[in-house]
């Protein structure tokens, strides 16, 4: 009986982790539905430096709440004595909340890069974004794409010249 409860707890914890991992992303390769089909502003820039950083995980309360429920149930069902079950349930809920909160925070952390740029008008800007499919190094020509107040960095596309008088 105890092994079935442990298996159920492990499965629930895995499910919570999977849901939390899918909740947050700063990836430049992921576009939110509300940003699709919106006109974005584009600005040319050059990469000055790139350094790895970590975007801290979220603490929405989902991990702590889930952990408290799972820990409370596990604790309460650990003994047949009703008073002991109540005490074990409270202790399990507290421990479960602490563990669930930590799981959420570390499960939603993500590696990112901070990119220091210089725009064509000489301004310097810093942008943090998740490491996407593109990597950047000093001297790379990039574009800053701003949509709905959020900015992402992309490699600048090659510009080809079109002879005068021809359609693009």
N, C-alpha and C. Protein backbone atom coordinates (compact mmCIF):
# COMPACT_ATOMS: atom_id res chain seq x y z
N UNK A 1 0.81 -1.20 0.00
CA UNK A 1 0.00 0.00 0.00
C UNK A 1 0.86 1.26 0.00
N UNK A 2 1.93 1.25 0.84
CA UNK A 2 2.79 2.44 0.91
C UNK A 2 3.52 2.67 -0.41
N UNK A 3 3.92 1.59 -1.09
CA UNK A 3 4.64 1.76 -2.36
C UNK A 3 3.72 2.34 -3.43
N UNK A 4 2.43 2.00 -3.38
CA UNK A 4 1.48 2.57 -4.34
C UNK A 4 1.31 4.07 -4.09
N UNK A 5 1.28 4.47 -2.81
CA UNK A 5 1.17 5.89 -2.47
C UNK A 5 2.41 6.66 -2.91
N UNK A 6 3.56 6.05 -2.69
CA UNK A 6 4.81 6.70 -3.11
C UNK A 6 4.86 6.85 -4.63
N UNK A 7 4.42 5.83 -5.33
CA UNK A 7 4.39 5.89 -6.79
C UNK A 7 3.44 6.99 -7.26
N UNK A 8 2.27 7.09 -6.60
CA UNK A 8 1.31 8.14 -6.94
C UNK A 8 1.91 9.52 -6.67
N UNK A 9 2.61 9.66 -5.53
CA UNK A 9 3.24 10.94 -5.22
C UNK A 9 4.32 11.30 -6.24
N UNK A 10 5.13 10.34 -6.61
CA UNK A 10 6.18 10.58 -7.60
C UNK A 10 5.57 10.97 -8.95
N UNK A 11 4.48 10.31 -9.33
CA UNK A 11 3.82 10.64 -10.60
C UNK A 11 3.25 12.05 -10.55
N UNK A 12 2.61 12.42 -9.42
CA UNK A 12 2.07 13.77 -9.28
C UNK A 12 3.16 14.82 -9.30
N UNK A 13 4.27 14.55 -8.63
CA UNK A 13 5.40 15.50 -8.63
C UNK A 13 5.94 15.68 -10.04
N UNK A 14 6.07 14.58 -10.78
CA UNK A 14 6.54 14.67 -12.17
C UNK A 14 5.59 15.48 -13.03
N UNK A 15 4.30 15.30 -12.82
CA UNK A 15 3.30 16.04 -13.58
C UNK A 15 3.39 17.53 -13.27
N UNK A 16 3.51 17.86 -12.00
CA UNK A 16 3.64 19.27 -11.60
C UNK A 16 4.88 19.89 -12.23
N UNK A 17 6.00 19.16 -12.20
CA UNK A 17 7.24 19.68 -12.81
C UNK A 17 7.06 19.92 -14.31
N UNK A 18 6.42 18.99 -14.98
CA UNK A 18 6.21 19.14 -16.43
C UNK A 18 5.34 20.35 -16.74
N UNK A 19 4.29 20.54 -15.96
CA UNK A 19 3.41 21.70 -16.17
C UNK A 19 4.16 23.00 -15.91
N UNK A 20 4.92 23.04 -14.83
CA UNK A 20 5.66 24.25 -14.48
C UNK A 20 6.72 24.57 -15.52
N UNK A 21 7.39 23.57 -16.03
CA UNK A 21 8.43 23.80 -17.03
C UNK A 21 7.84 24.40 -18.31
N UNK A 22 6.60 24.06 -18.60
CA UNK A 22 5.96 24.57 -19.82
C UNK A 22 5.39 25.97 -19.63
N UNK A 23 5.31 26.45 -18.39
CA UNK A 23 4.65 27.72 -18.10
C UNK A 23 5.44 28.95 -18.53
N UNK A 24 6.73 28.91 -18.44
CA UNK A 24 7.50 30.13 -18.61
C UNK A 24 8.59 29.95 -19.65
N UNK A 25 8.73 30.93 -20.50
CA UNK A 25 9.84 30.94 -21.43
C UNK A 25 10.14 32.36 -21.86
N UNK A 26 11.40 32.63 -22.02
CA UNK A 26 11.82 33.91 -22.58
C UNK A 26 12.51 33.67 -23.92
N UNK A 27 12.27 32.52 -24.51
CA UNK A 27 12.94 32.14 -25.74
C UNK A 27 12.56 33.07 -26.89
N UNK A 28 13.56 33.52 -27.65
CA UNK A 28 13.25 34.34 -28.82
C UNK A 28 12.63 33.53 -29.95
N UNK A 29 12.62 32.21 -29.81
CA UNK A 29 12.05 31.35 -30.84
C UNK A 29 10.59 31.02 -30.58
N UNK A 30 10.03 31.49 -29.46
CA UNK A 30 8.64 31.22 -29.11
C UNK A 30 7.87 32.54 -29.16
N UNK A 31 6.85 32.60 -29.99
CA UNK A 31 6.03 33.80 -30.14
C UNK A 31 4.66 33.52 -29.53
N UNK A 32 4.19 34.41 -28.69
CA UNK A 32 2.87 34.24 -28.07
C UNK A 32 1.79 34.53 -29.11
N UNK A 33 0.64 33.86 -29.00
CA UNK A 33 -0.43 34.05 -29.99
C UNK A 33 -0.84 35.52 -30.15
N UNK A 34 -0.87 36.28 -29.06
CA UNK A 34 -1.28 37.69 -29.17
C UNK A 34 -0.25 38.55 -29.90
N UNK A 35 0.98 38.04 -30.08
CA UNK A 35 1.99 38.79 -30.82
C UNK A 35 2.04 38.40 -32.30
N UNK A 36 1.33 37.37 -32.67
CA UNK A 36 1.30 36.94 -34.07
C UNK A 36 0.49 37.96 -34.89
N UNK A 37 0.87 38.15 -36.10
CA UNK A 37 0.21 39.03 -37.06
C UNK A 37 0.14 40.48 -36.57
N UNK A 38 1.14 40.89 -35.80
CA UNK A 38 1.25 42.28 -35.36
C UNK A 38 2.48 42.87 -36.03
N UNK A 39 2.38 44.12 -36.42
CA UNK A 39 3.51 44.81 -37.01
C UNK A 39 4.53 45.09 -35.92
N UNK A 40 5.78 44.74 -36.17
CA UNK A 40 6.85 44.94 -35.21
C UNK A 40 7.81 46.01 -35.72
N UNK A 41 8.45 46.71 -34.79
CA UNK A 41 9.47 47.67 -35.15
C UNK A 41 10.80 46.93 -35.22
N UNK A 42 11.63 47.27 -36.21
CA UNK A 42 12.91 46.61 -36.39
C UNK A 42 14.00 47.68 -36.41
N UNK A 43 15.09 47.40 -35.69
CA UNK A 43 16.20 48.35 -35.60
C UNK A 43 17.51 47.59 -35.76
N UNK A 44 18.44 48.16 -36.53
CA UNK A 44 19.75 47.54 -36.73
C UNK A 44 20.65 47.80 -35.54
N UNK A 45 21.52 46.81 -35.25
CA UNK A 45 22.48 46.96 -34.16
C UNK A 45 23.66 46.03 -34.41
N UNK A 46 24.70 46.20 -33.59
CA UNK A 46 25.89 45.35 -33.64
C UNK A 46 26.12 44.83 -32.22
N UNK A 47 26.45 43.56 -32.10
CA UNK A 47 26.72 42.95 -30.80
C UNK A 47 28.07 43.43 -30.28
N UNK A 48 28.09 43.92 -29.04
CA UNK A 48 29.35 44.29 -28.39
C UNK A 48 29.88 43.13 -27.55
N UNK A 49 29.03 42.59 -26.68
CA UNK A 49 29.42 41.44 -25.85
C UNK A 49 28.20 40.56 -25.60
N UNK A 50 28.48 39.31 -25.25
CA UNK A 50 27.43 38.36 -24.87
C UNK A 50 27.94 37.61 -23.65
N UNK A 51 27.06 37.46 -22.64
CA UNK A 51 27.44 36.68 -21.47
C UNK A 51 26.27 35.83 -21.02
N UNK A 52 26.57 34.63 -20.51
CA UNK A 52 25.50 33.76 -20.02
C UNK A 52 24.95 34.28 -18.69
N UNK A 53 23.65 34.18 -18.52
CA UNK A 53 22.97 34.54 -17.27
C UNK A 53 21.88 33.50 -17.00
N UNK A 54 21.27 33.58 -15.82
CA UNK A 54 20.17 32.68 -15.47
C UNK A 54 18.95 33.54 -15.17
N UNK A 55 17.83 33.22 -15.79
CA UNK A 55 16.56 33.88 -15.47
C UNK A 55 15.94 33.10 -14.32
N UNK A 56 15.76 33.79 -13.19
CA UNK A 56 15.23 33.16 -11.98
C UNK A 56 13.86 32.57 -12.25
N UNK A 57 13.59 31.43 -11.63
CA UNK A 57 12.31 30.76 -11.79
C UNK A 57 11.18 31.49 -11.09
N UNK A 58 9.96 31.17 -11.47
CA UNK A 58 8.79 31.83 -10.90
C UNK A 58 8.36 31.15 -9.60
N UNK A 59 7.61 31.88 -8.80
CA UNK A 59 7.03 31.35 -7.58
C UNK A 59 5.57 31.76 -7.54
N UNK A 60 4.78 31.12 -8.37
CA UNK A 60 3.37 31.48 -8.50
C UNK A 60 2.52 30.92 -7.36
N UNK A 61 3.06 29.98 -6.63
CA UNK A 61 2.29 29.33 -5.57
C UNK A 61 1.75 27.98 -5.99
N UNK A 62 1.79 27.68 -7.26
CA UNK A 62 1.29 26.39 -7.75
C UNK A 62 2.12 25.25 -7.17
N UNK A 63 3.44 25.40 -7.19
CA UNK A 63 4.31 24.35 -6.66
C UNK A 63 4.11 24.14 -5.17
N UNK A 64 4.05 25.25 -4.41
CA UNK A 64 3.84 25.15 -2.98
C UNK A 64 2.48 24.56 -2.64
N UNK A 65 1.45 25.00 -3.33
CA UNK A 65 0.10 24.48 -3.09
C UNK A 65 0.00 23.00 -3.42
N UNK A 66 0.55 22.62 -4.56
CA UNK A 66 0.52 21.21 -4.96
C UNK A 66 1.30 20.36 -3.98
N UNK A 67 2.47 20.86 -3.59
CA UNK A 67 3.30 20.13 -2.63
C UNK A 67 2.60 19.97 -1.30
N UNK A 68 1.89 21.03 -0.85
CA UNK A 68 1.17 20.96 0.42
C UNK A 68 0.08 19.90 0.38
N UNK A 69 -0.66 19.85 -0.72
CA UNK A 69 -1.73 18.86 -0.85
C UNK A 69 -1.16 17.45 -0.87
N UNK A 70 -0.15 17.24 -1.70
CA UNK A 70 0.45 15.91 -1.81
C UNK A 70 1.09 15.50 -0.48
N UNK A 71 1.83 16.42 0.15
CA UNK A 71 2.46 16.12 1.44
C UNK A 71 1.46 15.88 2.53
N UNK A 72 0.38 16.67 2.55
CA UNK A 72 -0.67 16.47 3.56
C UNK A 72 -1.34 15.13 3.44
N UNK A 73 -1.67 14.74 2.22
CA UNK A 73 -2.31 13.43 2.00
C UNK A 73 -1.36 12.30 2.38
N UNK A 74 -0.11 12.43 1.95
CA UNK A 74 0.87 11.39 2.26
C UNK A 74 1.09 11.29 3.76
N UNK A 75 1.21 12.43 4.42
CA UNK A 75 1.43 12.41 5.86
C UNK A 75 0.25 11.84 6.62
N UNK A 76 -0.95 12.25 6.26
CA UNK A 76 -2.15 11.80 6.96
C UNK A 76 -2.40 10.30 6.78
N UNK A 77 -2.00 9.80 5.62
CA UNK A 77 -2.26 8.38 5.37
C UNK A 77 -1.12 7.49 5.85
N UNK A 78 -0.12 8.10 6.51
CA UNK A 78 1.03 7.31 6.95
C UNK A 78 0.78 6.55 8.24
N UNK A 79 -0.30 6.86 8.94
CA UNK A 79 -0.60 6.16 10.18
C UNK A 79 -2.11 5.98 10.33
N UNK A 80 -2.50 4.97 11.10
CA UNK A 80 -3.94 4.72 11.30
C UNK A 80 -4.48 5.44 12.53
N UNK A 81 -3.63 5.94 13.39
CA UNK A 81 -4.02 6.68 14.57
C UNK A 81 -4.54 8.05 14.12
N UNK A 82 -5.78 8.41 14.47
CA UNK A 82 -6.39 9.64 13.96
C UNK A 82 -5.65 10.89 14.42
N UNK A 83 -5.21 10.93 15.68
CA UNK A 83 -4.46 12.10 16.15
C UNK A 83 -3.10 12.17 15.46
N UNK A 84 -2.44 11.04 15.37
CA UNK A 84 -1.15 10.99 14.70
C UNK A 84 -1.28 11.33 13.22
N UNK A 85 -2.38 10.89 12.60
CA UNK A 85 -2.61 11.18 11.18
C UNK A 85 -2.79 12.67 10.95
N UNK A 86 -3.50 13.34 11.88
CA UNK A 86 -3.69 14.79 11.74
C UNK A 86 -2.36 15.52 11.86
N UNK A 87 -1.56 15.13 12.86
CA UNK A 87 -0.25 15.77 13.05
C UNK A 87 0.67 15.49 11.86
N UNK A 88 0.68 14.25 11.41
CA UNK A 88 1.52 13.88 10.26
C UNK A 88 1.04 14.59 9.00
N UNK A 89 -0.27 14.77 8.88
CA UNK A 89 -0.81 15.48 7.71
C UNK A 89 -0.37 16.93 7.68
N UNK A 90 -0.40 17.60 8.84
CA UNK A 90 0.04 19.00 8.91
C UNK A 90 1.53 19.09 8.60
N UNK A 91 2.32 18.21 9.23
CA UNK A 91 3.76 18.21 8.98
C UNK A 91 4.05 17.92 7.50
N UNK A 92 3.34 16.95 6.93
CA UNK A 92 3.52 16.62 5.52
C UNK A 92 3.16 17.78 4.61
N UNK A 93 2.10 18.52 4.98
CA UNK A 93 1.69 19.68 4.17
C UNK A 93 2.74 20.77 4.20
N UNK A 94 3.32 21.03 5.37
CA UNK A 94 4.36 22.07 5.49
C UNK A 94 5.59 21.68 4.68
N UNK A 95 6.05 20.44 4.89
CA UNK A 95 7.23 19.98 4.15
C UNK A 95 6.93 19.96 2.64
N UNK A 96 5.75 19.48 2.28
CA UNK A 96 5.37 19.44 0.86
C UNK A 96 5.33 20.82 0.24
N UNK A 97 4.84 21.82 0.99
CA UNK A 97 4.78 23.19 0.46
C UNK A 97 6.17 23.74 0.22
N UNK A 98 7.08 23.51 1.17
CA UNK A 98 8.46 23.99 1.01
C UNK A 98 9.13 23.32 -0.18
N UNK A 99 8.98 22.01 -0.26
CA UNK A 99 9.60 21.27 -1.37
C UNK A 99 8.95 21.66 -2.70
N UNK A 100 7.63 21.77 -2.72
CA UNK A 100 6.93 22.15 -3.96
C UNK A 100 7.32 23.53 -4.45
N UNK A 101 7.50 24.47 -3.53
CA UNK A 101 7.93 25.81 -3.89
C UNK A 101 9.33 25.78 -4.51
N UNK A 102 10.23 25.02 -3.88
CA UNK A 102 11.59 24.91 -4.41
C UNK A 102 11.60 24.24 -5.79
N UNK A 103 10.78 23.20 -5.94
CA UNK A 103 10.69 22.50 -7.23
C UNK A 103 10.20 23.47 -8.31
N UNK A 104 9.19 24.28 -7.97
CA UNK A 104 8.68 25.25 -8.95
C UNK A 104 9.75 26.27 -9.32
N UNK A 105 10.43 26.81 -8.31
CA UNK A 105 11.42 27.86 -8.57
C UNK A 105 12.57 27.33 -9.43
N UNK A 106 13.09 26.15 -9.08
CA UNK A 106 14.21 25.61 -9.84
C UNK A 106 13.76 24.98 -11.15
N UNK A 107 12.52 24.50 -11.20
CA UNK A 107 12.00 23.90 -12.43
C UNK A 107 11.68 24.91 -13.51
N UNK A 108 11.46 26.17 -13.12
CA UNK A 108 11.15 27.20 -14.11
C UNK A 108 12.33 28.11 -14.39
N UNK A 109 13.48 27.85 -13.79
CA UNK A 109 14.69 28.60 -14.10
C UNK A 109 15.13 28.28 -15.52
N UNK A 110 15.73 29.24 -16.18
CA UNK A 110 16.24 28.92 -17.52
C UNK A 110 17.51 29.69 -17.82
N UNK A 111 18.37 29.03 -18.58
CA UNK A 111 19.60 29.65 -19.03
C UNK A 111 19.29 30.69 -20.09
N UNK A 112 20.00 31.79 -20.04
CA UNK A 112 19.77 32.88 -20.98
C UNK A 112 21.10 33.55 -21.30
N UNK A 113 21.02 34.55 -22.15
CA UNK A 113 22.19 35.37 -22.47
C UNK A 113 21.82 36.84 -22.31
N UNK A 114 22.79 37.61 -21.85
CA UNK A 114 22.64 39.06 -21.84
C UNK A 114 23.48 39.57 -23.00
N UNK A 115 22.83 40.30 -23.91
CA UNK A 115 23.49 40.78 -25.11
C UNK A 115 23.61 42.30 -25.02
N UNK A 116 24.85 42.80 -25.03
CA UNK A 116 25.09 44.24 -25.05
C UNK A 116 25.27 44.65 -26.50
N UNK A 117 24.46 45.63 -26.93
CA UNK A 117 24.42 46.03 -28.34
C UNK A 117 24.68 47.51 -28.51
N UNK A 118 25.06 47.88 -29.71
CA UNK A 118 25.14 49.29 -30.07
C UNK A 118 24.30 49.47 -31.34
N UNK A 119 23.33 50.38 -31.25
CA UNK A 119 22.44 50.61 -32.38
C UNK A 119 23.12 51.52 -33.39
N UNK A 120 22.50 51.67 -34.55
CA UNK A 120 23.11 52.46 -35.62
C UNK A 120 23.21 53.94 -35.27
N UNK A 121 22.42 54.41 -34.29
CA UNK A 121 22.54 55.81 -33.89
C UNK A 121 23.50 56.00 -32.71
N UNK A 122 24.22 54.93 -32.33
CA UNK A 122 25.24 55.02 -31.29
C UNK A 122 24.78 54.67 -29.89
N UNK A 123 23.48 54.46 -29.68
CA UNK A 123 22.99 54.09 -28.35
C UNK A 123 23.40 52.66 -28.01
N UNK A 124 23.67 52.45 -26.73
CA UNK A 124 23.98 51.10 -26.26
C UNK A 124 22.79 50.57 -25.48
N UNK A 125 22.50 49.30 -25.70
CA UNK A 125 21.36 48.66 -25.03
C UNK A 125 21.76 47.26 -24.59
N UNK A 126 21.09 46.80 -23.55
CA UNK A 126 21.32 45.45 -23.05
C UNK A 126 19.98 44.72 -23.06
N UNK A 127 19.99 43.50 -23.57
CA UNK A 127 18.78 42.69 -23.63
C UNK A 127 19.11 41.30 -23.10
N UNK A 128 18.24 40.78 -22.24
CA UNK A 128 18.36 39.41 -21.75
C UNK A 128 17.29 38.58 -22.43
N UNK A 129 17.70 37.48 -23.04
CA UNK A 129 16.74 36.55 -23.65
C UNK A 129 17.29 35.15 -23.51
N UNK A 130 16.38 34.18 -23.53
CA UNK A 130 16.79 32.78 -23.46
C UNK A 130 17.67 32.47 -24.65
N UNK A 131 18.58 31.56 -24.45
CA UNK A 131 19.43 31.13 -25.55
C UNK A 131 18.55 30.37 -26.54
N UNK A 132 18.37 30.92 -27.70
CA UNK A 132 17.53 30.29 -28.72
C UNK A 132 18.36 29.50 -29.70
N UNK A 133 17.88 29.38 -30.91
CA UNK A 133 18.58 28.63 -31.95
C UNK A 133 19.78 29.39 -32.50
N UNK A 134 19.81 30.71 -32.31
CA UNK A 134 20.93 31.51 -32.81
C UNK A 134 21.89 31.83 -31.67
N UNK A 135 23.18 31.83 -31.99
CA UNK A 135 24.17 32.28 -31.01
C UNK A 135 24.82 33.54 -31.57
N UNK A 136 25.26 34.39 -30.67
CA UNK A 136 25.81 35.68 -31.06
C UNK A 136 27.22 35.84 -30.52
N UNK A 137 28.02 36.64 -31.24
CA UNK A 137 29.37 36.98 -30.76
C UNK A 137 29.65 38.43 -31.12
N UNK A 138 30.68 38.99 -30.49
CA UNK A 138 31.03 40.39 -30.74
C UNK A 138 31.20 40.64 -32.23
N UNK A 139 30.64 41.76 -32.69
CA UNK A 139 30.77 42.15 -34.09
C UNK A 139 29.64 41.67 -34.98
N UNK A 140 28.78 40.77 -34.50
CA UNK A 140 27.67 40.27 -35.31
C UNK A 140 26.67 41.38 -35.60
N UNK A 141 26.22 41.46 -36.84
CA UNK A 141 25.13 42.38 -37.20
C UNK A 141 23.82 41.71 -36.81
N UNK A 142 23.00 42.43 -36.04
CA UNK A 142 21.73 41.88 -35.57
C UNK A 142 20.62 42.91 -35.78
N UNK A 143 19.40 42.46 -35.59
CA UNK A 143 18.27 43.38 -35.57
C UNK A 143 17.54 43.20 -34.25
N UNK A 144 16.98 44.28 -33.76
CA UNK A 144 16.14 44.27 -32.57
C UNK A 144 14.71 44.32 -33.05
N UNK A 145 13.92 43.33 -32.71
CA UNK A 145 12.53 43.26 -33.13
C UNK A 145 11.67 43.55 -31.89
N UNK A 146 10.92 44.65 -31.93
CA UNK A 146 10.08 45.05 -30.81
C UNK A 146 8.62 44.83 -31.17
N UNK A 147 7.94 44.01 -30.37
CA UNK A 147 6.53 43.71 -30.58
C UNK A 147 5.82 43.82 -29.23
N UNK A 148 4.85 44.67 -29.14
CA UNK A 148 4.09 44.80 -27.91
C UNK A 148 4.93 45.12 -26.69
N UNK A 149 5.98 45.91 -26.87
CA UNK A 149 6.83 46.30 -25.75
C UNK A 149 7.92 45.29 -25.42
N UNK A 150 7.93 44.13 -26.04
CA UNK A 150 8.97 43.13 -25.79
C UNK A 150 9.94 43.12 -26.96
N UNK A 151 11.22 42.96 -26.64
CA UNK A 151 12.27 43.02 -27.66
C UNK A 151 12.97 41.67 -27.73
N UNK A 152 13.30 41.24 -28.93
CA UNK A 152 14.14 40.06 -29.11
C UNK A 152 15.22 40.39 -30.12
N UNK A 153 16.33 39.69 -30.01
CA UNK A 153 17.48 39.91 -30.89
C UNK A 153 17.54 38.76 -31.88
N UNK A 154 17.76 39.11 -33.15
CA UNK A 154 17.89 38.11 -34.21
C UNK A 154 19.06 38.50 -35.10
N UNK A 155 19.63 37.54 -35.77
CA UNK A 155 20.67 37.85 -36.76
C UNK A 155 20.07 38.72 -37.85
N UNK A 156 20.85 39.70 -38.29
CA UNK A 156 20.38 40.55 -39.38
C UNK A 156 20.40 39.75 -40.67
N UNK A 157 19.31 39.81 -41.43
CA UNK A 157 19.29 39.08 -42.70
C UNK A 157 20.23 39.76 -43.70
N UNK A 158 20.74 38.97 -44.61
CA UNK A 158 21.59 39.53 -45.66
C UNK A 158 20.74 40.45 -46.54
N UNK A 159 21.27 41.60 -46.83
CA UNK A 159 20.55 42.56 -47.66
C UNK A 159 21.10 42.47 -49.08
N UNK A 160 20.20 42.24 -50.02
CA UNK A 160 20.65 42.20 -51.41
C UNK A 160 20.11 43.43 -52.11
N UNK A 161 20.89 43.95 -52.95
CA UNK A 161 20.44 45.18 -53.65
C UNK A 161 19.61 44.80 -54.86
N UNK A 162 18.59 45.58 -55.10
CA UNK A 162 17.70 45.38 -56.23
C UNK A 162 17.98 46.51 -57.23
N UNK A 163 18.29 46.17 -58.47
CA UNK A 163 18.55 47.23 -59.46
C UNK A 163 17.37 48.20 -59.54
N UNK A 164 17.69 49.47 -59.72
CA UNK A 164 16.66 50.51 -59.77
C UNK A 164 15.68 50.22 -60.90
N UNK A 165 14.38 50.43 -60.58
CA UNK A 165 13.35 50.23 -61.59
C UNK A 165 12.73 48.85 -61.56
N UNK A 166 13.33 47.90 -60.80
CA UNK A 166 12.76 46.56 -60.73
C UNK A 166 11.95 46.43 -59.44
N UNK A 167 10.92 45.61 -59.54
CA UNK A 167 10.06 45.36 -58.36
C UNK A 167 10.84 44.51 -57.36
N UNK A 168 10.52 44.69 -56.12
CA UNK A 168 11.18 43.91 -55.05
C UNK A 168 10.47 42.65 -54.87
